[in-house]
Amino acid sequence: MGGIAHILKNSGHHISGSDMQFYPPMSDQLKDSGIELISGYKTSSLPDADLYIIGNALSRGNESVEYILENKLPFKSGPEILGEMLAKKIVIAVSDGANKNYLFNSDERIDIVNKALFKDLKLNPKKISIVPFSSLTTDLCKKYKSNIILRGLRAVSDFEYEFQLAGMNRKLNNNIETIFLMSDVENQIISSRFVKEIIKLNGDIKKFTTKSTIKSLKEKYA
């Protein structure tokens, strides 16, 4: 929610936010951006607003949530707001860097992503671009006029590295905000290393990836 708050603030909106507790460095970043931090969810502290955004951590029974619903005040969920931000165009960037030992080269990976998204999952290709890059991520964002980076987190152990990376990107361009998306609990155990080990031993990986990706992996290990 802090990331969404930054994005909306940079878009020219007046933003305030409520939580039971605030922790640095996010609390410091919010304050530095001029975002008012409100401790707790008492309705007496709830500001007048054109729109209230309710995060996923809040549910029925929360004092502020109940007040908003009972008084039919305008509200949206955090994912709903994020979806609106991403509605125009999504750019999937495939790294062409030499600092990682990839199983497939960048052209092959772009082809795999294309088939997985548009052939297997039937997503709309008009709203999604898949591009290679070997530059700074912030330079790529500037090229495509994007101020949001989406990063998936498979497990809590990924967070420290990803948080440091997000902080460095923000230092390079403070108009860019990183939004972290956690995987579903049942998918947190899945890793590319495990999937590759299973396919090399002729195991079944249908639960872990798409039909076209399985074909590409089998061809690679044939």
Protein backbone atom coordinates (compact mmCIF):
# COMPACT_ATOMS: atom_id res chain seq x y z
CA MET A 1 0.00 0.00 0.00
CA GLY A 2 2.95 2.31 0.61
CA GLY A 3 4.01 1.93 -3.01
CA ILE A 4 0.52 2.74 -4.27
CA ALA A 5 0.46 5.78 -1.96
CA HIS A 6 3.71 7.05 -3.50
CA ILE A 7 2.42 6.59 -7.04
CA LEU A 8 -0.82 8.44 -6.32
CA LYS A 9 1.07 11.22 -4.55
CA ASN A 10 3.39 11.63 -7.54
CA SER A 11 0.28 11.83 -9.75
CA GLY A 12 -0.81 14.97 -7.91
CA HIS A 13 -3.24 13.58 -5.32
CA HIS A 14 -3.31 14.53 -1.63
CA ILE A 15 -2.70 11.29 0.25
CA SER A 16 -2.92 10.17 3.86
CA GLY A 17 -2.74 6.64 5.25
CA SER A 18 -3.73 4.71 8.37
CA ASP A 19 -2.06 1.75 10.04
CA MET A 20 -1.64 0.36 13.52
CA GLN A 21 2.13 0.87 13.38
CA PHE A 22 4.58 2.44 10.93
CA TYR A 23 8.14 1.22 10.46
CA PRO A 24 11.20 2.70 8.74
CA PRO A 25 12.36 2.88 6.06
CA MET A 26 8.87 2.92 4.50
CA SER A 27 7.54 5.34 7.13
CA ASP A 28 10.45 7.71 6.45
CA GLN A 29 9.86 7.54 2.70
CA LEU A 30 6.15 8.29 3.13
CA LYS A 31 6.86 11.27 5.38
CA ASP A 32 9.51 12.59 2.98
CA SER A 33 6.90 12.44 0.20
CA GLY A 34 4.52 14.58 2.24
CA ILE A 35 2.09 11.75 3.00
CA GLU A 36 0.27 12.12 6.32
CA LEU A 37 0.49 9.03 8.55
CA ILE A 38 -2.45 8.32 10.86
CA SER A 39 -1.99 5.87 13.73
CA GLY A 40 -4.89 3.44 14.22
CA TYR A 41 -8.30 3.06 12.60
CA LYS A 42 -10.53 5.19 14.84
CA THR A 43 -13.29 6.86 12.84
CA SER A 44 -12.54 10.09 14.69
CA SER A 45 -9.19 10.14 12.85
CA LEU A 46 -10.62 9.21 9.47
CA PRO A 47 -10.12 12.21 7.14
CA ASP A 48 -12.67 13.46 4.63
CA ALA A 49 -11.68 12.08 1.23
CA ASP A 50 -12.90 11.80 -2.34
CA LEU A 51 -11.89 8.13 -2.31
CA TYR A 52 -10.87 5.63 0.37
CA ILE A 53 -8.51 2.78 -0.57
CA ILE A 54 -8.86 -0.31 1.62
CA GLY A 55 -5.86 -2.62 1.79
CA ASN A 56 -6.10 -6.42 1.81
CA ALA A 57 -4.98 -6.55 5.45
CA LEU A 58 -8.26 -4.94 6.52
CA SER A 59 -11.57 -6.81 6.77
CA ARG A 60 -15.09 -6.54 8.11
CA GLY A 61 -15.11 -5.59 11.76
CA ASN A 62 -12.44 -2.93 11.34
CA GLU A 63 -13.87 0.34 12.69
CA SER A 64 -12.93 2.46 9.67
CA VAL A 65 -14.03 -0.20 7.17
CA GLU A 66 -17.44 -0.50 8.83
CA TYR A 67 -17.86 3.28 8.89
CA ILE A 68 -17.04 3.58 5.19
CA LEU A 69 -19.48 0.80 4.26
CA GLU A 70 -22.30 1.97 6.53
CA ASN A 71 -22.10 5.52 5.22
CA LYS A 72 -21.70 4.40 1.59
CA LEU A 73 -18.49 6.39 1.18
CA PRO A 74 -16.59 5.91 -2.11
CA PHE A 75 -13.90 3.22 -1.81
CA LYS A 76 -11.78 0.82 -3.82
CA SER A 77 -9.46 -2.03 -2.86
CA GLY A 78 -5.70 -1.85 -3.23
CA PRO A 79 -5.62 -4.47 -6.03
CA GLU A 80 -8.44 -2.62 -7.82
CA ILE A 81 -6.44 0.62 -7.83
CA LEU A 82 -3.31 -1.21 -8.98
CA GLY A 83 -5.30 -2.86 -11.78
CA GLU A 84 -6.45 0.55 -12.99
CA MET A 85 -2.85 1.77 -12.99
CA LEU A 86 -1.79 -1.19 -15.13
CA ALA A 87 -4.81 -1.16 -17.44
CA LYS A 88 -3.14 0.72 -20.30
CA LYS A 89 -0.01 -1.32 -20.95
CA ILE A 90 2.25 -3.88 -19.26
CA VAL A 91 5.87 -4.33 -20.37
CA ILE A 92 7.51 -7.65 -19.48
CA ALA A 93 11.27 -7.14 -19.51
CA VAL A 94 13.47 -10.17 -20.18
CA SER A 95 17.04 -9.64 -18.94
CA ASP A 96 19.87 -10.11 -21.41
CA GLY A 97 22.55 -9.60 -18.76
CA ALA A 98 25.63 -11.77 -18.49
CA ASN A 99 25.61 -12.01 -14.67
CA LYS A 100 23.36 -15.06 -14.55
CA ASN A 101 23.67 -18.53 -16.07
CA TYR A 102 20.42 -18.80 -18.03
CA LEU A 103 19.22 -22.10 -19.46
CA PHE A 104 17.70 -20.29 -22.47
CA ASN A 105 19.07 -17.22 -24.24
CA SER A 106 16.99 -14.02 -24.28
CA ASP A 107 15.37 -14.72 -27.66
CA GLU A 108 14.33 -18.20 -26.52
CA ARG A 109 12.95 -16.84 -23.24
CA ILE A 110 10.95 -14.16 -25.04
CA ASP A 111 9.48 -16.85 -27.29
CA ILE A 112 8.62 -18.99 -24.23
CA VAL A 113 6.90 -16.06 -22.48
CA ASN A 114 4.99 -15.17 -25.66
CA LYS A 115 3.65 -18.70 -26.05
CA ALA A 116 2.84 -19.06 -22.35
CA LEU A 117 0.90 -15.79 -22.12
CA PHE A 118 -0.83 -15.62 -25.48
CA LYS A 119 -1.15 -19.25 -26.58
CA ASP A 120 -1.60 -21.08 -23.28
CA LEU A 121 -3.19 -18.42 -21.06
CA LYS A 122 -4.99 -16.52 -23.87
CA LEU A 123 -4.06 -13.06 -22.55
CA ASN A 124 -4.58 -9.93 -24.63
CA PRO A 125 -1.39 -9.20 -26.66
CA LYS A 126 -2.53 -5.62 -27.31
CA LYS A 127 -1.93 -4.73 -23.65
CA ILE A 128 1.31 -6.64 -23.05
CA SER A 129 4.74 -6.11 -24.61
CA ILE A 130 7.67 -8.47 -24.09
CA VAL A 131 11.09 -6.90 -24.61
CA PRO A 132 14.74 -7.80 -23.97
CA PHE A 133 16.99 -5.45 -22.02
CA SER A 134 20.58 -5.23 -20.80
CA SER A 135 20.45 -1.69 -19.41
CA LEU A 136 19.55 -0.34 -15.98
CA THR A 137 15.92 -1.12 -15.13
CA THR A 138 15.34 2.57 -14.46
CA ASP A 139 16.55 3.41 -17.98
CA LEU A 140 14.12 0.84 -19.38
CA CYS A 141 11.29 2.44 -17.35
CA LYS A 142 12.20 5.84 -18.78
CA LYS A 143 12.21 4.44 -22.33
CA TYR A 144 8.68 3.03 -21.92
CA LYS A 145 7.42 5.94 -19.76
CA SER A 146 6.66 3.63 -16.85
CA ASN A 147 6.78 4.61 -13.17
CA ILE A 148 5.79 1.20 -11.74
CA ILE A 149 7.98 -1.90 -11.41
CA LEU A 150 6.19 -5.12 -10.46
CA ARG A 151 8.31 -7.73 -8.71
CA GLY A 152 7.11 -11.16 -7.64
CA LEU A 153 8.12 -12.57 -4.26
CA ARG A 154 8.09 -16.35 -3.97
CA ALA A 155 9.05 -16.42 -0.28
CA VAL A 156 9.82 -14.05 2.58
CA SER A 157 13.52 -14.87 2.12
CA ASP A 158 13.42 -13.01 -1.23
CA PHE A 159 12.31 -9.77 0.40
CA GLU A 160 15.62 -8.42 1.74
CA TYR A 161 17.34 -8.54 -1.66
CA GLU A 162 14.27 -7.21 -3.48
CA PHE A 163 13.84 -4.38 -0.97
CA GLN A 164 17.47 -3.33 -1.43
CA LEU A 165 17.04 -3.45 -5.20
CA ALA A 166 13.88 -1.33 -5.00
CA GLY A 167 15.72 1.18 -2.83
CA MET A 168 18.58 1.48 -5.33
CA ASN A 169 16.13 1.95 -8.21
CA ARG A 170 14.38 4.67 -6.21
CA LYS A 171 17.73 6.41 -5.61
CA LEU A 172 18.38 6.35 -9.35
CA ASN A 173 14.89 7.67 -10.15
CA ASN A 174 12.59 8.72 -7.30
CA ASN A 175 9.58 8.78 -9.63
CA ILE A 176 9.71 4.99 -9.98
CA GLU A 177 7.91 2.85 -7.41
CA THR A 178 8.29 -0.90 -6.91
CA ILE A 179 5.21 -2.97 -6.07
CA PHE A 180 5.80 -6.43 -4.58
CA LEU A 181 3.36 -9.25 -5.35
CA MET A 182 3.44 -12.33 -3.13
CA SER A 183 2.74 -15.72 -4.68
CA ASP A 184 -0.11 -17.87 -3.38
CA VAL A 185 0.89 -20.08 -0.45
CA GLU A 186 0.58 -23.26 -2.52
CA ASN A 187 3.02 -21.87 -5.12
CA GLN A 188 5.73 -20.59 -2.78
CA ILE A 189 7.64 -23.87 -2.87
CA ILE A 190 8.03 -23.77 -6.67
CA SER A 191 11.42 -22.71 -8.03
CA SER A 192 12.97 -22.94 -11.48
CA ARG A 193 15.80 -25.08 -10.08
CA PHE A 194 13.38 -27.70 -8.77
CA VAL A 195 11.32 -27.68 -11.97
CA LYS A 196 14.45 -28.19 -14.10
CA GLU A 197 15.59 -31.07 -11.87
CA ILE A 198 12.20 -32.76 -12.20
CA ILE A 199 12.07 -32.42 -15.99
CA LYS A 200 15.65 -33.75 -16.34
CA LEU A 201 14.55 -36.86 -14.45
CA ASN A 202 11.48 -37.25 -16.70
CA GLY A 203 9.07 -36.13 -13.97
CA ASP A 204 5.66 -34.51 -14.46
CA ILE A 205 5.70 -30.69 -14.16
CA LYS A 206 2.17 -29.96 -15.40
CA LYS A 207 1.29 -28.46 -12.00
CA PHE A 208 4.15 -25.99 -12.21
CA THR A 209 4.12 -24.37 -15.65
CA THR A 210 2.29 -24.10 -18.98
CA LYS A 211 2.00 -26.62 -21.81
CA SER A 212 4.26 -24.75 -24.25
CA THR A 213 6.92 -24.17 -21.58
CA ILE A 214 7.00 -27.90 -20.80
CA LYS A 215 7.59 -28.58 -24.50
CA SER A 216 10.50 -26.10 -24.60
CA LEU A 217 12.09 -27.65 -21.50
CA LYS A 218 11.77 -31.19 -22.87
CA GLU A 219 13.39 -30.11 -26.15
CA LYS A 220 16.24 -28.43 -24.27
CA TYR A 221 16.98 -31.53 -22.19
CA ALA A 222 16.39 -34.05 -24.99
